[in-house]
C-alpha cells in the first residue's frame, strides 16, 4: 500500500515540475522573437515570424 502513496506523490511532484518548467506559449515565444529581432534592427511581420518558427521547427525535427 505504501508504494501506491509513493507513486502518487511522485506523480504529483512530477506534474508540478512539468508545469513550472514547461516552455512558453507559442504566441508569447513569437512576441519575444519579434522583440529581439526589432532590437537588432530587423523588422518582421507576423507571417514572417510564423514562417521562421516553422522553418526552425522543421530543421530541429530533421
Protein backbone atom coordinates (compact mmCIF):
# COMPACT_ATOMS: atom_id res chain seq x y z
CA UNK A 1 0.00 0.00 0.00
CA UNK A 2 2.89 2.38 0.71
CA UNK A 3 4.15 2.03 -2.85
CA UNK A 4 0.82 3.45 -4.09
CA UNK A 5 1.30 6.57 -1.97
CA UNK A 6 4.89 6.86 -3.14
CA UNK A 7 3.78 6.53 -6.77
CA UNK A 8 1.02 9.13 -6.36
CA UNK A 9 3.38 11.50 -4.55
CA UNK A 10 5.94 11.16 -7.32
CA UNK A 11 3.29 11.73 -9.97
CA UNK A 12 2.11 14.91 -8.23
CA UNK A 13 5.65 16.25 -7.85
CA UNK A 14 6.41 15.38 -11.49
CA UNK A 15 3.27 17.11 -12.74
CA UNK A 16 4.09 20.21 -10.71
CA UNK A 17 7.63 20.32 -12.07
CA UNK A 18 6.35 19.87 -15.63
CA UNK A 19 4.03 22.84 -15.23
CA UNK A 20 6.76 25.03 -13.74
CA UNK A 21 9.35 24.19 -16.40
CA UNK A 22 7.04 23.99 -19.43
CA UNK A 23 8.04 26.13 -22.40
CA UNK A 24 6.26 29.36 -23.12
CA UNK A 25 3.07 29.56 -25.13
CA UNK A 26 3.62 29.86 -28.86
CA UNK A 27 2.22 33.37 -29.05
CA UNK A 28 4.45 34.55 -26.19
CA UNK A 29 7.50 32.99 -27.81
CA UNK A 30 6.71 34.63 -31.16
CA UNK A 31 6.35 38.00 -29.42
CA UNK A 32 9.77 37.54 -27.76
CA UNK A 33 11.35 36.60 -31.09
CA UNK A 34 9.80 39.65 -32.73
CA UNK A 35 11.03 41.94 -29.93
CA UNK A 36 14.55 40.51 -30.13
CA UNK A 37 14.66 40.99 -33.90
CA UNK A 38 13.38 44.58 -33.60
CA UNK A 39 16.08 45.36 -31.04
CA UNK A 40 18.61 44.16 -33.62
CA UNK A 41 17.04 46.44 -36.24
CA UNK A 42 15.19 43.68 -38.12
CA UNK A 43 11.50 44.39 -38.66
CA UNK A 44 9.34 41.35 -39.41
CA UNK A 45 5.64 40.82 -39.92
CA UNK A 46 3.65 38.20 -38.04
CA UNK A 47 3.59 35.96 -41.10
CA UNK A 48 7.38 36.19 -41.43
CA UNK A 49 7.78 35.22 -37.76
CA UNK A 50 5.41 32.28 -38.29
CA UNK A 51 7.44 31.17 -41.33
CA UNK A 52 10.69 31.47 -39.35
CA UNK A 53 9.28 29.41 -36.47
CA UNK A 54 8.02 26.80 -38.94
CA UNK A 55 11.41 26.61 -40.64
CA UNK A 56 13.27 26.28 -37.33
CA UNK A 57 10.85 23.61 -36.12
CA UNK A 58 11.32 21.63 -39.33
CA UNK A 59 15.11 21.85 -39.09
CA UNK A 60 15.09 20.77 -35.45
CA UNK A 61 12.84 17.79 -36.21
CA UNK A 62 15.17 16.61 -39.01
